[in-house]
Amino acid sequence: MRSAAEQARDAVRAAPLKSSVIGTAGAAALGLGYATLIERNAFTLRETSMAVLEPGSATLRVLHISDLHMMPGQRMKQNWLRELDRLEPDLVVNTGDNLSHQRAVPSVVQALGPLLARPGLFVFGSNDYFAPKPKNPFKYFDKNHKRTTGDSLPWRDLRAAFSERGWLDVTHVRRELEVAGVRIASAGVDDPHLKRDRYDTIAGQPNPLADLRLGITHSPEPRVLDKFAQDGYDLVLAGHTHGGQLCLPFYGALVTNCEIDRSRVKGPSKWGAHTQLHVSAGIGTSPYAPARFCCRPEATLITLTPAPRTGPKNVSDEGVSRSEAVVS
């Protein structure tokens, strides 16, 4: 039988390990609570400028929204989206994944109501066509994993609601419009994540007389970005990545959920010699992964300005500024 002194000595030795386990578990619980209850609802407006217009053009303020993943009853998200209209953007671009529920179309339309009265362009993503499903999170680290889709969503109703209110569907079509004195030649593809893209339907140089040649896609797959760049598009807008959704301090996104590299998982970057890319980190999450960490939900107000008369068009040297909207 062990003596009382030996038992006491072992207890003292085990105390640091026990404290470490308890501390780690507590930190994990706090982190999970923060990611699911606080940061997931910390909706943020990000602002940036990009010099991509033809020299001499007027400036154009574009509101880029993506990945709403709307569920009925998400009042906080809906109210925040409605407040974005106060920014008075010249153009709204929606890069897809609006739905996460069969009955979410009215919620999306209500949330975007004031913005739908402004000029807008859109394409759809996988979660406009199919409902999300529970997934093993480790599959995101395997780019070759088999993708499965959920039940069909009422994407036709959503497309009709957007179109009836004046937004233009640019899926596999070219659209030319003038907004705030800026001539825009736009084109888009269906979701490359589902391999629904058919770039050949829009292939070729966009109108060289346009002030802005704008490409739109849901998932920023390099094979599609390469084609937009080769055809001479000035700017491509995309979503899908959620900015990584779960990121680490000083490291960034763990995954991108597509073939794009981690350095371009969100925000502005350059693609090729003359094309600029902006990837939205998105506003929502899947109902089966309702968490964000070091990656707040966001919309972006992009001020497009004329490029210098010499040299390639570029992101402003002023960089990216962030302004956080009040969470309602």
C-alpha atoms as a PDB file:
ATOM      1  CA  MET A   1       0.000   0.000   0.000  1.00  0.00           C
ATOM      2  CA  ARG A   2       1.284   3.433  -0.947  1.00  0.00           C
ATOM      3  CA  SER A   3       1.923   5.832   1.857  1.00  0.00           C
ATOM      4  CA  ALA A   4      -0.021   9.046   2.307  1.00  0.00           C
ATOM      5  CA  ALA A   5       3.147  10.994   1.462  1.00  0.00           C
ATOM      6  CA  GLU A   6       3.507   9.177  -1.891  1.00  0.00           C
ATOM      7  CA  GLN A   7      -0.132   9.783  -2.768  1.00  0.00           C
ATOM      8  CA  ALA A   8       0.229  13.459  -1.939  1.00  0.00           C
ATOM      9  CA  ARG A   9       3.379  13.711  -4.054  1.00  0.00           C
ATOM     10  CA  ASP A  10       1.617  12.110  -7.071  1.00  0.00           C
ATOM     11  CA  ALA A  11      -1.324  14.451  -6.665  1.00  0.00           C
ATOM     12  CA  VAL A  12       1.001  17.443  -6.760  1.00  0.00           C
ATOM     13  CA  ARG A  13       2.664  16.115  -9.921  1.00  0.00           C
ATOM     14  CA  ALA A  14      -0.692  15.537 -11.649  1.00  0.00           C
ATOM     15  CA  ALA A  15      -2.048  18.976 -10.794  1.00  0.00           C
ATOM     16  CA  PRO A  16      -0.280  20.896 -13.612  1.00  0.00           C
ATOM     17  CA  LEU A  17      -1.459  18.383 -16.230  1.00  0.00           C
ATOM     18  CA  LYS A  18      -5.011  18.512 -14.949  1.00  0.00           C
ATOM     19  CA  SER A  19      -4.933  22.303 -14.941  1.00  0.00           C
ATOM     20  CA  SER A  20      -3.558  22.320 -18.487  1.00  0.00           C
ATOM     21  CA  VAL A  21      -6.324  20.035 -19.744  1.00  0.00           C
ATOM     22  CA  ILE A  22      -8.996  22.096 -18.031  1.00  0.00           C
ATOM     23  CA  GLY A  23      -7.478  25.322 -19.362  1.00  0.00           C
ATOM     24  CA  THR A  24      -7.298  24.009 -22.920  1.00  0.00           C
ATOM     25  CA  ALA A  25     -10.874  22.758 -22.799  1.00  0.00           C
ATOM     26  CA  GLY A  26     -12.029  26.077 -21.376  1.00  0.00           C
ATOM     27  CA  ALA A  27     -10.219  28.072 -24.054  1.00  0.00           C
ATOM     28  CA  ALA A  28     -11.702  25.857 -26.762  1.00  0.00           C
ATOM     29  CA  ALA A  29     -15.192  26.344 -25.349  1.00  0.00           C
ATOM     30  CA  LEU A  30     -14.725  30.112 -25.193  1.00  0.00           C
ATOM     31  CA  GLY A  31     -13.387  30.180 -28.753  1.00  0.00           C
ATOM     32  CA  LEU A  32     -16.301  28.137 -30.044  1.00  0.00           C
ATOM     33  CA  GLY A  33     -18.781  30.348 -28.238  1.00  0.00           C
ATOM     34  CA  TYR A  34     -17.163  33.478 -29.659  1.00  0.00           C
ATOM     35  CA  ALA A  35     -17.092  32.051 -33.193  1.00  0.00           C
ATOM     36  CA  THR A  36     -20.717  30.916 -33.175  1.00  0.00           C
ATOM     37  CA  LEU A  37     -22.439  33.579 -31.091  1.00  0.00           C
ATOM     38  CA  ILE A  38     -20.415  36.746 -31.620  1.00  0.00           C
ATOM     39  CA  GLU A  39     -18.190  36.854 -34.684  1.00  0.00           C
ATOM     40  CA  ARG A  40     -20.691  35.062 -36.932  1.00  0.00           C
ATOM     41  CA  ASN A  41     -23.057  37.989 -36.335  1.00  0.00           C
ATOM     42  CA  ALA A  42     -20.465  40.789 -36.303  1.00  0.00           C
ATOM     43  CA  PHE A  43     -21.448  42.070 -39.729  1.00  0.00           C
ATOM     44  CA  THR A  44     -18.834  44.405 -41.152  1.00  0.00           C
ATOM     45  CA  LEU A  45     -18.645  46.872 -43.999  1.00  0.00           C
ATOM     46  CA  ARG A  46     -15.274  46.874 -45.700  1.00  0.00           C
ATOM     47  CA  GLU A  47     -14.234  49.662 -48.043  1.00  0.00           C
ATOM     48  CA  THR A  48     -11.547  49.647 -50.697  1.00  0.00           C
ATOM     49  CA  SER A  49     -10.667  51.448 -53.917  1.00  0.00           C
ATOM     50  CA  MET A  50      -9.436  49.929 -57.156  1.00  0.00           C
ATOM     51  CA  ALA A  51      -8.060  51.871 -60.127  1.00  0.00           C
ATOM     52  CA  VAL A  52      -9.529  49.822 -62.967  1.00  0.00           C
ATOM     53  CA  LEU A  53     -11.563  52.270 -65.066  1.00  0.00           C
ATOM     54  CA  GLU A  54     -10.479  53.828 -68.318  1.00  0.00           C
ATOM     55  CA  PRO A  55      -8.607  57.129 -67.868  1.00  0.00           C
ATOM     56  CA  GLY A  56     -11.005  60.047 -67.739  1.00  0.00           C
ATOM     57  CA  SER A  57     -13.939  57.981 -66.430  1.00  0.00           C
ATOM     58  CA  ALA A  58     -16.153  59.066 -63.568  1.00  0.00           C
ATOM     59  CA  THR A  59     -15.766  57.088 -60.347  1.00  0.00           C
ATOM     60  CA  LEU A  60     -18.158  54.205 -59.707  1.00  0.00           C
ATOM     61  CA  ARG A  61     -19.206  52.926 -56.271  1.00  0.00           C
ATOM     62  CA  VAL A  62     -19.923  49.188 -56.351  1.00  0.00           C
ATOM     63  CA  LEU A  63     -21.434  47.276 -53.449  1.00  0.00           C
ATOM     64  CA  HIS A  64     -20.225  43.667 -53.603  1.00  0.00           C
ATOM     65  CA  ILE A  65     -22.359  41.208 -51.627  1.00  0.00           C
ATOM     66  CA  SER A  66     -22.100  37.438 -51.569  1.00  0.00           C
ATOM     67  CA  ASP A  67     -22.923  34.237 -49.704  1.00  0.00           C
ATOM     68  CA  LEU A  68     -25.932  35.393 -47.715  1.00  0.00           C
ATOM     69  CA  HIS A  69     -26.887  31.752 -46.954  1.00  0.00           C
ATOM     70  CA  MET A  70     -30.231  33.067 -45.771  1.00  0.00           C
ATOM     71  CA  MET A  71     -32.517  31.165 -43.422  1.00  0.00           C
ATOM     72  CA  PRO A  72     -36.020  32.337 -42.453  1.00  0.00           C
ATOM     73  CA  GLY A  73     -35.984  34.265 -39.203  1.00  0.00           C
ATOM     74  CA  GLN A  74     -32.449  35.653 -39.441  1.00  0.00           C
ATOM     75  CA  ARG A  75     -33.614  39.134 -38.477  1.00  0.00           C
ATOM     76  CA  MET A  76     -30.225  40.542 -37.530  1.00  0.00           C
ATOM     77  CA  LYS A  77     -28.720  39.670 -40.889  1.00  0.00           C
ATOM     78  CA  GLN A  78     -31.771  40.916 -42.780  1.00  0.00           C
ATOM     79  CA  ASN A  79     -31.831  44.248 -40.953  1.00  0.00           C
ATOM     80  CA  TRP A  80     -28.118  44.787 -41.532  1.00  0.00           C
ATOM     81  CA  LEU A  81     -28.472  44.077 -45.242  1.00  0.00           C
ATOM     82  CA  ARG A  82     -31.329  46.558 -45.562  1.00  0.00           C
ATOM     83  CA  GLU A  83     -29.183  49.233 -43.939  1.00  0.00           C
ATOM     84  CA  LEU A  84     -26.566  48.898 -46.699  1.00  0.00           C
ATOM     85  CA  ASP A  85     -28.808  50.922 -48.980  1.00  0.00           C
ATOM     86  CA  ARG A  86     -27.836  54.034 -47.015  1.00  0.00           C
ATOM     87  CA  LEU A  87     -24.434  53.788 -48.727  1.00  0.00           C
ATOM     88  CA  GLU A  88     -26.166  54.771 -51.980  1.00  0.00           C
ATOM     89  CA  PRO A  89     -24.023  52.559 -54.234  1.00  0.00           C
ATOM     90  CA  ASP A  90     -24.147  53.157 -57.964  1.00  0.00           C
ATOM     91  CA  LEU A  91     -24.166  49.421 -58.689  1.00  0.00           C
ATOM     92  CA  VAL A  92     -24.792  46.256 -56.664  1.00  0.00           C
ATOM     93  CA  VAL A  93     -23.086  42.985 -57.624  1.00  0.00           C
ATOM     94  CA  ASN A  94     -24.304  39.766 -56.005  1.00  0.00           C
ATOM     95  CA  THR A  95     -22.006  36.780 -56.537  1.00  0.00           C
ATOM     96  CA  GLY A  96     -24.352  34.056 -55.319  1.00  0.00           C
ATOM     97  CA  ASP A  97     -25.131  31.552 -52.554  1.00  0.00           C
ATOM     98  CA  ASN A  98     -28.130  33.508 -51.339  1.00  0.00           C
ATOM     99  CA  LEU A  99     -30.155  30.602 -49.949  1.00  0.00           C
ATOM    100  CA  SER A 100     -29.869  27.959 -47.251  1.00  0.00           C
ATOM    101  CA  HIS A 101     -33.542  26.994 -46.961  1.00  0.00           C
ATOM    102  CA  GLN A 102     -36.498  26.185 -49.196  1.00  0.00           C
ATOM    103  CA  ARG A 103     -38.507  29.096 -47.782  1.00  0.00           C
ATOM    104  CA  ALA A 104     -35.732  31.705 -47.748  1.00  0.00           C
ATOM    105  CA  VAL A 105     -36.550  33.550 -50.989  1.00  0.00           C
ATOM    106  CA  PRO A 106     -38.953  36.036 -49.318  1.00  0.00           C
ATOM    107  CA  SER A 107     -36.359  36.720 -46.621  1.00  0.00           C
ATOM    108  CA  VAL A 108     -33.681  37.458 -49.229  1.00  0.00           C
ATOM    109  CA  VAL A 109     -35.972  39.742 -51.219  1.00  0.00           C
ATOM    110  CA  GLN A 110     -37.073  41.593 -48.094  1.00  0.00           C
ATOM    111  CA  ALA A 111     -33.494  42.029 -46.896  1.00  0.00           C
ATOM    112  CA  LEU A 112     -32.275  43.308 -50.257  1.00  0.00           C
ATOM    113  CA  GLY A 113     -35.450  45.284 -50.953  1.00  0.00           C
ATOM    114  CA  PRO A 114     -34.000  48.817 -51.175  1.00  0.00           C
ATOM    115  CA  LEU A 115     -30.888  47.588 -53.010  1.00  0.00           C
ATOM    116  CA  LEU A 116     -33.034  45.823 -55.614  1.00  0.00           C
ATOM    117  CA  ALA A 117     -34.214  49.264 -56.706  1.00  0.00           C
ATOM    118  CA  ARG A 118     -30.639  50.120 -57.710  1.00  0.00           C
ATOM    119  CA  PRO A 119     -28.781  48.840 -60.783  1.00  0.00           C
ATOM    120  CA  GLY A 120     -27.582  45.321 -60.080  1.00  0.00           C
ATOM    121  CA  LEU A 121     -25.864  42.305 -61.629  1.00  0.00           C
ATOM    122  CA  PHE A 122     -25.891  38.738 -60.328  1.00  0.00           C
ATOM    123  CA  VAL A 123     -24.868  35.128 -60.807  1.00  0.00           C
ATOM    124  CA  PHE A 124     -25.795  32.127 -58.686  1.00  0.00           C
ATOM    125  CA  GLY A 125     -23.754  29.693 -56.615  1.00  0.00           C
ATOM    126  CA  SER A 126     -24.260  26.124 -55.479  1.00  0.00           C
ATOM    127  CA  ASN A 127     -26.403  27.188 -52.510  1.00  0.00           C
ATOM    128  CA  ASP A 128     -28.878  28.884 -54.775  1.00  0.00           C
ATOM    129  CA  TYR A 129     -29.487  25.606 -56.572  1.00  0.00           C
ATOM    130  CA  PHE A 130     -29.063  23.071 -53.767  1.00  0.00           C
ATOM    131  CA  ALA A 131     -29.569  23.142 -50.015  1.00  0.00           C
ATOM    132  CA  PRO A 132     -26.509  22.666 -47.806  1.00  0.00           C
ATOM    133  CA  LYS A 133     -25.846  19.289 -46.211  1.00  0.00           C
ATOM    134  CA  PRO A 134     -23.849  18.237 -43.144  1.00  0.00           C
ATOM    135  CA  LYS A 135     -20.228  17.574 -44.106  1.00  0.00           C
ATOM    136  CA  ASN A 136     -17.126  16.217 -42.473  1.00  0.00           C
ATOM    137  CA  PRO A 137     -15.076  19.424 -41.974  1.00  0.00           C
ATOM    138  CA  PHE A 138     -11.836  17.582 -42.706  1.00  0.00           C
ATOM    139  CA  LYS A 139     -13.026  17.035 -46.284  1.00  0.00           C
ATOM    140  CA  TYR A 140     -12.300  20.695 -46.958  1.00  0.00           C
ATOM    141  CA  PHE A 141      -8.605  19.875 -46.694  1.00  0.00           C
ATOM    142  CA  ASP A 142      -8.966  17.356 -49.549  1.00  0.00           C
ATOM    143  CA  LYS A 143      -9.535  19.240 -52.789  1.00  0.00           C
ATOM    144  CA  ASN A 144     -10.348  15.979 -54.565  1.00  0.00           C
ATOM    145  CA  HIS A 145     -13.137  14.877 -52.235  1.00  0.00           C
ATOM    146  CA  LYS A 146     -16.421  13.860 -53.804  1.00  0.00           C
ATOM    147  CA  ARG A 147     -18.931  16.705 -53.685  1.00  0.00           C
ATOM    148  CA  THR A 148     -22.537  15.983 -52.814  1.00  0.00           C
ATOM    149  CA  THR A 149     -25.559  18.250 -53.167  1.00  0.00           C
ATOM    150  CA  GLY A 150     -28.679  18.606 -51.062  1.00  0.00           C
ATOM    151  CA  ASP A 151     -32.296  19.066 -52.038  1.00  0.00           C
ATOM    152  CA  SER A 152     -33.160  21.486 -54.827  1.00  0.00           C
ATOM    153  CA  LEU A 153     -33.778  25.098 -53.838  1.00  0.00           C
ATOM    154  CA  PRO A 154     -36.237  27.526 -55.516  1.00  0.00           C
ATOM    155  CA  TRP A 155     -33.569  29.299 -57.563  1.00  0.00           C
ATOM    156  CA  ARG A 156     -36.014  30.081 -60.378  1.00  0.00           C
ATOM    157  CA  ASP A 157     -38.183  32.033 -57.937  1.00  0.00           C
ATOM    158  CA  LEU A 158     -35.143  33.943 -56.725  1.00  0.00           C
ATOM    159  CA  ARG A 159     -34.000  34.707 -60.259  1.00  0.00           C
ATOM    160  CA  ALA A 160     -37.491  35.939 -61.149  1.00  0.00           C
ATOM    161  CA  ALA A 161     -37.607  38.144 -58.045  1.00  0.00           C
ATOM    162  CA  PHE A 162     -34.250  39.724 -58.856  1.00  0.00           C
ATOM    163  CA  SER A 163     -35.029  40.162 -62.550  1.00  0.00           C
ATOM    164  CA  GLU A 164     -38.518  41.601 -62.008  1.00  0.00           C
ATOM    165  CA  ARG A 165     -36.990  44.300 -59.840  1.00  0.00           C
ATOM    166  CA  GLY A 166     -34.421  45.244 -62.452  1.00  0.00           C
ATOM    167  CA  TRP A 167     -31.254  43.305 -61.644  1.00  0.00           C
ATOM    168  CA  LEU A 168     -29.540  41.685 -64.617  1.00  0.00           C
ATOM    169  CA  ASP A 169     -28.647  37.997 -64.641  1.00  0.00           C
ATOM    170  CA  VAL A 170     -25.242  37.730 -66.339  1.00  0.00           C
ATOM    171  CA  THR A 171     -25.021  33.931 -66.225  1.00  0.00           C
ATOM    172  CA  HIS A 172     -23.438  32.931 -69.554  1.00  0.00           C
ATOM    173  CA  VAL A 173     -24.470  36.187 -71.214  1.00  0.00           C
ATOM    174  CA  ARG A 174     -22.877  39.534 -71.936  1.00  0.00           C
ATOM    175  CA  ARG A 175     -24.631  42.638 -70.698  1.00  0.00           C
ATOM    176  CA  GLU A 176     -23.777  46.247 -71.466  1.00  0.00           C
ATOM    177  CA  LEU A 177     -25.127  49.056 -69.349  1.00  0.00           C
ATOM    178  CA  GLU A 178     -24.318  52.593 -68.308  1.00  0.00           C
ATOM    179  CA  VAL A 179     -24.333  53.466 -64.619  1.00  0.00           C
ATOM    180  CA  ALA A 180     -23.452  56.887 -63.193  1.00  0.00           C
ATOM    181  CA  GLY A 181     -21.891  57.863 -66.502  1.00  0.00           C
ATOM    182  CA  VAL A 182     -19.679  54.743 -66.635  1.00  0.00           C
ATOM    183  CA  ARG A 183     -20.088  52.368 -69.589  1.00  0.00           C
ATOM    184  CA  ILE A 184     -19.870  48.771 -68.355  1.00  0.00           C
ATOM    185  CA  ALA A 185     -19.357  45.633 -70.432  1.00  0.00           C
ATOM    186  CA  SER A 186     -20.179  42.722 -68.117  1.00  0.00           C
ATOM    187  CA  ALA A 187     -20.341  38.950 -68.417  1.00  0.00           C
ATOM    188  CA  GLY A 188     -20.621  36.043 -66.015  1.00  0.00           C
ATOM    189  CA  VAL A 189     -20.526  32.285 -65.683  1.00  0.00           C
ATOM    190  CA  ASP A 190     -22.544  29.739 -63.754  1.00  0.00           C
ATOM    191  CA  ASP A 191     -20.946  28.277 -60.641  1.00  0.00           C
ATOM    192  CA  PRO A 192     -17.534  26.737 -61.411  1.00  0.00           C
ATOM    193  CA  HIS A 193     -17.636  24.933 -58.046  1.00  0.00           C
ATOM    194  CA  LEU A 194     -20.369  22.731 -59.522  1.00  0.00           C
ATOM    195  CA  LYS A 195     -18.563  22.691 -62.880  1.00  0.00           C
ATOM    196  CA  ARG A 196     -21.539  24.485 -64.439  1.00  0.00           C
ATOM    197  CA  ASP A 197     -19.372  27.164 -66.038  1.00  0.00           C
ATOM    198  CA  ARG A 198     -19.494  27.374 -69.835  1.00  0.00           C
ATOM    199  CA  TYR A 199     -17.082  30.166 -70.571  1.00  0.00           C
ATOM    200  CA  ASP A 200     -17.316  29.528 -74.314  1.00  0.00           C
ATOM    201  CA  THR A 201     -20.765  31.188 -74.255  1.00  0.00           C
ATOM    202  CA  ILE A 202     -19.178  34.550 -73.396  1.00  0.00           C
ATOM    203  CA  ALA A 203     -15.659  34.052 -74.778  1.00  0.00           C
ATOM    204  CA  GLY A 204     -13.958  36.858 -76.643  1.00  0.00           C
ATOM    205  CA  GLN A 205     -12.830  40.394 -76.027  1.00  0.00           C
ATOM    206  CA  PRO A 206     -15.429  42.600 -74.323  1.00  0.00           C
ATOM    207  CA  ASN A 207     -16.370  45.947 -75.833  1.00  0.00           C
ATOM    208  CA  PRO A 208     -13.109  47.949 -76.067  1.00  0.00           C
ATOM    209  CA  LEU A 209     -15.112  51.190 -75.854  1.00  0.00           C
ATOM    210  CA  ALA A 210     -16.386  50.367 -72.368  1.00  0.00           C
ATOM    211  CA  ASP A 211     -15.020  52.219 -69.341  1.00  0.00           C
ATOM    212  CA  LEU A 212     -15.130  48.998 -67.306  1.00  0.00           C
ATOM    213  CA  ARG A 213     -14.960  45.387 -68.443  1.00  0.00           C
ATOM    214  CA  LEU A 214     -16.412  43.395 -65.547  1.00  0.00           C
ATOM    215  CA  GLY A 215     -16.397  39.610 -65.093  1.00  0.00           C
ATOM    216  CA  ILE A 216     -18.561  37.892 -62.478  1.00  0.00           C
ATOM    217  CA  THR A 217     -18.353  34.369 -61.046  1.00  0.00           C
ATOM    218  CA  HIS A 218     -19.353  32.678 -57.812  1.00  0.00           C
ATOM    219  CA  SER A 219     -16.310  30.507 -57.178  1.00  0.00           C
ATOM    220  CA  PRO A 220     -12.942  32.084 -58.070  1.00  0.00           C
ATOM    221  CA  GLU A 221     -11.581  29.021 -59.845  1.00  0.00           C
ATOM    222  CA  PRO A 222      -8.258  29.783 -61.562  1.00  0.00           C
ATOM    223  CA  ARG A 223      -9.359  28.169 -64.845  1.00  0.00           C
ATOM    224  CA  VAL A 224     -12.176  30.747 -65.087  1.00  0.00           C
ATOM    225  CA  LEU A 225     -10.113  33.685 -63.855  1.00  0.00           C
ATOM    226  CA  ASP A 226      -7.470  32.870 -66.466  1.00  0.00           C
ATOM    227  CA  LYS A 227     -10.059  33.123 -69.237  1.00  0.00           C
ATOM    228  CA  PHE A 228     -11.438  36.432 -68.009  1.00  0.00           C
ATOM    229  CA  ALA A 229      -7.887  37.772 -67.844  1.00  0.00           C
ATOM    230  CA  GLN A 230      -6.979  36.469 -71.300  1.00  0.00           C
ATOM    231  CA  ASP A 231     -10.038  38.178 -72.778  1.00  0.00           C
ATOM    232  CA  GLY A 232      -9.045  41.511 -71.258  1.00  0.00           C
ATOM    233  CA  TYR A 233     -11.471  42.013 -68.368  1.00  0.00           C
ATOM    234  CA  ASP A 234     -10.405  44.787 -66.002  1.00  0.00           C
ATOM    235  CA  LEU A 235     -12.044  43.403 -62.868  1.00  0.00           C
ATOM    236  CA  VAL A 236     -13.503  40.069 -61.766  1.00  0.00           C
ATOM    237  CA  LEU A 237     -15.769  39.776 -58.719  1.00  0.00           C
ATOM    238  CA  ALA A 238     -16.265  36.462 -56.895  1.00  0.00           C
ATOM    239  CA  GLY A 239     -17.387  34.982 -53.583  1.00  0.00           C
ATOM    240  CA  HIS A 240     -17.703  31.387 -52.359  1.00  0.00           C
ATOM    241  CA  THR A 241     -14.615  31.160 -50.124  1.00  0.00           C
ATOM    242  CA  HIS A 242     -16.137  32.815 -47.023  1.00  0.00           C
ATOM    243  CA  GLY A 243     -12.644  34.246 -46.619  1.00  0.00           C
ATOM    244  CA  GLY A 244     -11.664  30.879 -45.183  1.00  0.00           C
ATOM    245  CA  GLN A 245     -14.371  31.267 -42.500  1.00  0.00           C
ATOM    246  CA  LEU A 246     -12.148  29.781 -39.781  1.00  0.00           C
ATOM    247  CA  CYS A 247      -8.778  31.524 -39.809  1.00  0.00           C
ATOM    248  CA  LEU A 248      -5.779  31.644 -37.511  1.00  0.00           C
ATOM    249  CA  PRO A 249      -4.064  34.820 -36.289  1.00  0.00           C
ATOM    250  CA  PHE A 250      -0.835  35.558 -38.191  1.00  0.00           C
ATOM    251  CA  TYR A 251      -1.585  32.668 -40.586  1.00  0.00           C
ATOM    252  CA  GLY A 252      -4.922  33.346 -42.207  1.00  0.00           C
ATOM    253  CA  ALA A 253      -7.275  30.938 -43.894  1.00  0.00           C
ATOM    254  CA  LEU A 254      -6.819  27.223 -43.400  1.00  0.00           C
ATOM    255  CA  VAL A 255      -8.685  26.367 -46.606  1.00  0.00           C
ATOM    256  CA  THR A 256     -10.236  28.181 -49.588  1.00  0.00           C
ATOM    257  CA  ASN A 257     -12.777  25.518 -50.657  1.00  0.00           C
ATOM    258  CA  CYS A 258     -11.599  25.928 -54.249  1.00  0.00           C
ATOM    259  CA  GLU A 259      -8.392  25.930 -56.271  1.00  0.00           C
ATOM    260  CA  ILE A 260      -7.426  29.532 -55.536  1.00  0.00           C
ATOM    261  CA  ASP A 261      -4.452  30.081 -53.232  1.00  0.00           C
ATOM    262  CA  ARG A 262      -4.842  31.229 -49.630  1.00  0.00           C
ATOM    263  CA  SER A 263      -3.332  34.656 -50.313  1.00  0.00           C
ATOM    264  CA  ARG A 264      -6.326  35.519 -52.506  1.00  0.00           C
ATOM    265  CA  VAL A 265      -9.021  34.016 -50.305  1.00  0.00           C
ATOM    266  CA  LYS A 266     -10.624  37.429 -49.740  1.00  0.00           C
ATOM    267  CA  GLY A 267     -10.242  41.057 -50.718  1.00  0.00           C
ATOM    268  CA  PRO A 268      -8.497  42.646 -53.708  1.00  0.00           C
ATOM    269  CA  SER A 269      -5.592  41.105 -55.566  1.00  0.00           C
ATOM    270  CA  LYS A 270      -4.093  40.970 -59.032  1.00  0.00           C
ATOM    271  CA  TRP A 271      -4.711  38.172 -61.521  1.00  0.00           C
ATOM    272  CA  GLY A 272      -2.434  38.123 -64.513  1.00  0.00           C
ATOM    273  CA  ALA A 273      -0.833  41.213 -65.953  1.00  0.00           C
ATOM    274  CA  HIS A 274      -3.795  43.574 -66.107  1.00  0.00           C
ATOM    275  CA  THR A 275      -6.825  42.030 -64.378  1.00  0.00           C
ATOM    276  CA  GLN A 276      -7.871  42.827 -60.817  1.00  0.00           C
ATOM    277  CA  LEU A 277      -9.773  40.365 -58.633  1.00  0.00           C
ATOM    278  CA  HIS A 278     -11.995  40.968 -55.650  1.00  0.00           C
ATOM    279  CA  VAL A 279     -13.192  38.012 -53.569  1.00  0.00           C
ATOM    280  CA  SER A 280     -15.886  38.647 -50.973  1.00  0.00           C
ATOM    281  CA  ALA A 281     -15.594  36.896 -47.609  1.00  0.00           C
ATOM    282  CA  GLY A 282     -19.384  36.725 -47.624  1.00  0.00           C
ATOM    283  CA  ILE A 283     -22.131  37.487 -45.159  1.00  0.00           C
ATOM    284  CA  GLY A 284     -23.459  34.102 -44.015  1.00  0.00           C
ATOM    285  CA  THR A 285     -22.465  30.547 -43.213  1.00  0.00           C
ATOM    286  CA  SER A 286     -23.923  27.119 -43.764  1.00  0.00           C
ATOM    287  CA  PRO A 287     -26.450  26.233 -41.038  1.00  0.00           C
ATOM    288  CA  TYR A 288     -24.300  23.153 -40.428  1.00  0.00           C
ATOM    289  CA  ALA A 289     -21.163  25.212 -39.792  1.00  0.00           C
ATOM    290  CA  PRO A 290     -22.467  28.362 -38.055  1.00  0.00           C
ATOM    291  CA  ALA A 291     -19.129  29.791 -36.975  1.00  0.00           C
ATOM    292  CA  ARG A 292     -16.517  32.316 -38.068  1.00  0.00           C
ATOM    293  CA  PHE A 293     -13.158  32.989 -36.469  1.00  0.00           C
ATOM    294  CA  CYS A 294     -10.804  35.825 -37.415  1.00  0.00           C
ATOM    295  CA  CYS A 295     -12.977  36.292 -40.501  1.00  0.00           C
ATOM    296  CA  ARG A 296     -15.985  38.513 -39.942  1.00  0.00           C
ATOM    297  CA  PRO A 297     -19.007  38.409 -42.248  1.00  0.00           C
ATOM    298  CA  GLU A 298     -18.788  41.328 -44.629  1.00  0.00           C
ATOM    299  CA  ALA A 299     -20.000  43.312 -47.576  1.00  0.00           C
ATOM    300  CA  THR A 300     -17.594  45.507 -49.525  1.00  0.00           C
ATOM    301  CA  LEU A 301     -18.066  48.974 -50.946  1.00  0.00           C
ATOM    302  CA  ILE A 302     -15.559  49.252 -53.787  1.00  0.00           C
ATOM    303  CA  THR A 303     -14.826  52.675 -55.219  1.00  0.00           C
ATOM    304  CA  LEU A 304     -13.650  52.177 -58.787  1.00  0.00           C
ATOM    305  CA  THR A 305     -11.444  54.966 -60.074  1.00  0.00           C
ATOM    306  CA  PRO A 306      -9.666  55.675 -63.369  1.00  0.00           C
ATOM    307  CA  ALA A 307      -6.385  53.894 -63.905  1.00  0.00           C
ATOM    308  CA  PRO A 308      -3.257  55.971 -64.486  1.00  0.00           C
ATOM    309  CA  ARG A 309      -2.747  56.935 -68.108  1.00  0.00           C
ATOM    310  CA  THR A 310       0.511  55.000 -68.113  1.00  0.00           C
ATOM    311  CA  GLY A 311       1.121  51.556 -66.687  1.00  0.00           C
ATOM    312  CA  PRO A 312      -1.268  48.741 -65.803  1.00  0.00           C
ATOM    313  CA  LYS A 313      -4.469  49.249 -63.874  1.00  0.00           C
ATOM    314  CA  ASN A 314      -3.956  48.483 -60.229  1.00  0.00           C
ATOM    315  CA  VAL A 315      -5.312  48.431 -56.708  1.00  0.00           C
ATOM    316  CA  SER A 316      -4.985  51.821 -55.047  1.00  0.00           C
ATOM    317  CA  ASP A 317      -1.672  52.455 -53.296  1.00  0.00           C
ATOM    318  CA  GLU A 318      -3.743  53.576 -50.341  1.00  0.00           C
ATOM    319  CA  GLY A 319      -4.544  49.917 -49.749  1.00  0.00           C
ATOM    320  CA  VAL A 320      -7.615  48.634 -47.984  1.00  0.00           C
ATOM    321  CA  SER A 321      -9.382  50.426 -45.203  1.00  0.00           C
ATOM    322  CA  ARG A 322     -11.854  48.739 -42.892  1.00  0.00           C
ATOM    323  CA  SER A 323     -14.820  50.319 -41.190  1.00  0.00           C
ATOM    324  CA  GLU A 324     -16.974  48.183 -38.964  1.00  0.00           C
ATOM    325  CA  ALA A 325     -20.707  48.680 -39.049  1.00  0.00           C
ATOM    326  CA  VAL A 326     -22.630  48.591 -35.799  1.00  0.00           C
ATOM    327  CA  VAL A 327     -24.195  45.195 -35.173  1.00  0.00           C
ATOM    328  CA  SER A 328     -27.931  45.561 -34.720  1.00  0.00           C
END
